[in-house]
Protein backbone atom coordinates (compact mmCIF):
# COMPACT_ATOMS: atom_id res chain seq x y z
CA MET A 1 17.46 -18.23 12.81
CA THR A 2 18.47 -19.85 15.83
CA ILE A 3 17.68 -15.98 17.76
CA PHE A 4 14.08 -16.06 16.24
CA ARG A 5 13.68 -19.42 17.40
CA TRP A 6 14.89 -18.13 20.98
CA ILE A 7 12.87 -15.80 20.97
CA VAL A 8 9.52 -16.73 19.61
CA GLY A 9 9.85 -19.90 22.24
CA GLY A 10 10.21 -17.32 25.17
CA ILE A 11 7.43 -15.40 23.57
CA ALA A 12 5.08 -18.78 23.71
CA ALA A 13 6.63 -19.95 27.00
CA LEU A 14 5.33 -16.42 28.55
CA LEU A 15 2.33 -16.56 27.05
CA VAL A 16 1.77 -20.29 28.17
CA SER A 17 2.59 -19.84 31.53
CA GLY A 18 0.60 -16.91 32.05
CA ALA A 19 -2.48 -18.69 30.56
CA LEU A 20 -1.52 -21.47 32.66
CA LEU A 21 -1.58 -18.99 35.40
CA SER A 22 -4.38 -17.44 34.78
CA LEU A 23 -6.38 -20.75 34.55
CA LEU A 24 -5.29 -21.78 38.38
CA VAL A 25 -6.52 -17.92 39.99
CA TYR A 26 -9.87 -18.87 37.87
CA ALA A 27 -9.89 -22.53 39.65
CA ILE A 28 -9.51 -20.84 43.21
CA PHE A 29 -11.16 -17.60 43.50
CA LYS A 30 -14.28 -18.46 40.33
CA ILE A 31 -13.93 -14.93 38.93
CA PRO A 32 -14.77 -15.33 35.07
CA LEU A 33 -12.50 -12.83 34.32
CA TRP A 34 -9.34 -14.99 34.74
CA VAL A 35 -10.77 -17.66 32.24
CA GLN A 36 -11.59 -15.01 29.75
CA ARG A 37 -7.31 -13.98 29.88
CA ALA A 38 -6.55 -17.68 30.01
CA ARG A 39 -8.02 -18.23 26.79
CA ARG A 40 -7.09 -15.22 25.16
CA LEU A 41 -3.51 -15.90 26.02
CA ARG A 42 -4.38 -19.45 25.03
CA HIS A 43 -4.90 -18.05 21.61
CA TRP A 44 -2.25 -15.57 20.85
CA ALA A 45 0.42 -18.51 22.40
CA TRP A 46 -1.71 -20.39 19.35
CA SER A 47 -0.99 -17.20 16.83
CA VAL A 48 2.75 -16.79 18.08
CA LEU A 49 3.87 -20.83 17.87
CA LEU A 50 2.04 -20.99 13.88
CA LEU A 51 3.91 -17.87 12.82
CA TRP A 52 7.19 -19.93 13.95
CA PHE A 53 6.09 -22.92 11.88
CA ILE A 54 4.68 -20.99 8.76
CA VAL A 55 8.56 -19.07 9.12
CA GLU A 56 10.19 -22.35 9.31
CA ILE A 57 8.28 -23.71 6.42
CA TRP A 58 8.85 -20.20 4.70
CA THR A 59 12.54 -20.27 4.91
CA ARG A 60 13.56 -23.98 3.91
CA VAL A 61 10.95 -22.86 0.79
CA ALA A 62 13.24 -20.17 0.27
CA ASP A 63 16.52 -22.24 0.88
CA ALA A 64 15.55 -24.49 -1.88
CA ALA A 65 13.95 -22.11 -4.06
CA PHE A 66 17.38 -20.13 -4.14
CA GLY A 67 19.76 -22.32 -3.22
CA SER A 68 21.75 -20.18 -0.36
């Protein structure tokens, strides 16, 4: 499970940093495409973090139900 956490954390960190970088490029050059990319990356980051949360919850539910 630790490997999964590191992978999800790395993917989330890349997505969040990409969103922040895109937002910075938009703030400097005022190109609307970059704010759209920042929003899309932010949405993907939320999706990855929600996936992590769901896997954590259901892992604990499965451990409690089946007792490992």
